């Protein structure tokens, strides 16, 4: 757990809905329903770029 991180959730997410949250520096991901649970480290900006490029399209 990284308590010193600032987490952001999509503005489209409802307050009772479970969604993915990101750190403001875009290096960790977590599930919003378990804020004290595990996190995943990721290069989120690189992942978003790959999605925009269509690298995950079928």
Protein backbone atom coordinates (compact mmCIF):
# COMPACT_ATOMS: atom_id res chain seq x y z
CA UNK A 1 0.00 0.00 0.00
CA UNK A 2 1.20 3.48 -0.82
CA UNK A 3 -0.61 5.83 1.53
CA UNK A 4 1.35 8.90 0.42
CA UNK A 5 0.09 8.63 -3.17
CA UNK A 6 -2.79 10.69 -4.50
CA UNK A 7 -5.36 8.54 -6.29
CA UNK A 8 -7.76 9.67 -9.00
CA UNK A 9 -10.93 8.00 -10.22
CA UNK A 10 -12.74 8.63 -13.47
CA UNK A 11 -15.20 11.50 -13.34
CA UNK A 12 -17.63 9.19 -15.17
CA UNK A 13 -17.60 6.69 -12.32
CA UNK A 14 -20.55 6.71 -9.97
CA UNK A 15 -19.75 7.00 -6.29
CA UNK A 16 -20.98 3.46 -5.56
CA UNK A 17 -19.45 1.86 -8.66
CA UNK A 18 -16.23 -0.11 -8.61
CA UNK A 19 -13.66 1.14 -11.04
CA UNK A 20 -9.97 1.48 -11.59
CA UNK A 21 -8.07 4.32 -9.93
CA UNK A 22 -4.70 5.71 -10.95
CA UNK A 23 -2.05 7.61 -9.06
CA UNK A 24 -1.55 11.18 -10.19
CA UNK A 25 1.95 10.31 -11.38
CA UNK A 26 0.48 7.44 -13.46
CA UNK A 27 2.63 4.64 -12.10
CA UNK A 28 0.16 2.57 -10.04
CA UNK A 29 -3.34 1.15 -10.53
CA UNK A 30 -5.83 -0.19 -7.99
CA UNK A 31 -9.47 -1.22 -7.69
CA UNK A 32 -11.51 1.51 -6.00
CA UNK A 33 -13.56 -0.89 -3.86
CA UNK A 34 -10.39 -1.98 -2.00
CA UNK A 35 -8.32 1.17 -1.41
CA UNK A 36 -6.07 -0.57 1.11
CA UNK A 37 -5.62 -3.67 -1.03
CA UNK A 38 -2.91 -4.48 -3.54
CA UNK A 39 -1.81 -2.14 -6.30
CA UNK A 40 -0.20 -2.84 -9.65
CA UNK A 41 2.75 -0.87 -10.89
CA UNK A 42 2.47 0.13 -14.52
CA UNK A 43 3.59 2.72 -17.02
CA UNK A 44 0.02 3.97 -17.50
CA UNK A 45 0.85 6.71 -19.99
CA UNK A 46 2.59 4.15 -22.21
CA UNK A 47 -0.39 1.79 -21.89
CA UNK A 48 -2.85 4.55 -22.84
CA UNK A 49 -0.71 5.42 -25.86
CA UNK A 50 -0.78 1.75 -26.98
CA UNK A 51 -4.58 1.71 -26.68
CA UNK A 52 -4.86 4.89 -28.73
CA UNK A 53 -2.62 3.34 -31.39
CA UNK A 54 -4.98 0.34 -31.62
CA UNK A 55 -2.40 -2.19 -30.44
CA UNK A 56 -5.08 -4.12 -28.53
CA UNK A 57 -7.70 -4.11 -31.29
CA UNK A 58 -8.79 -7.51 -32.49
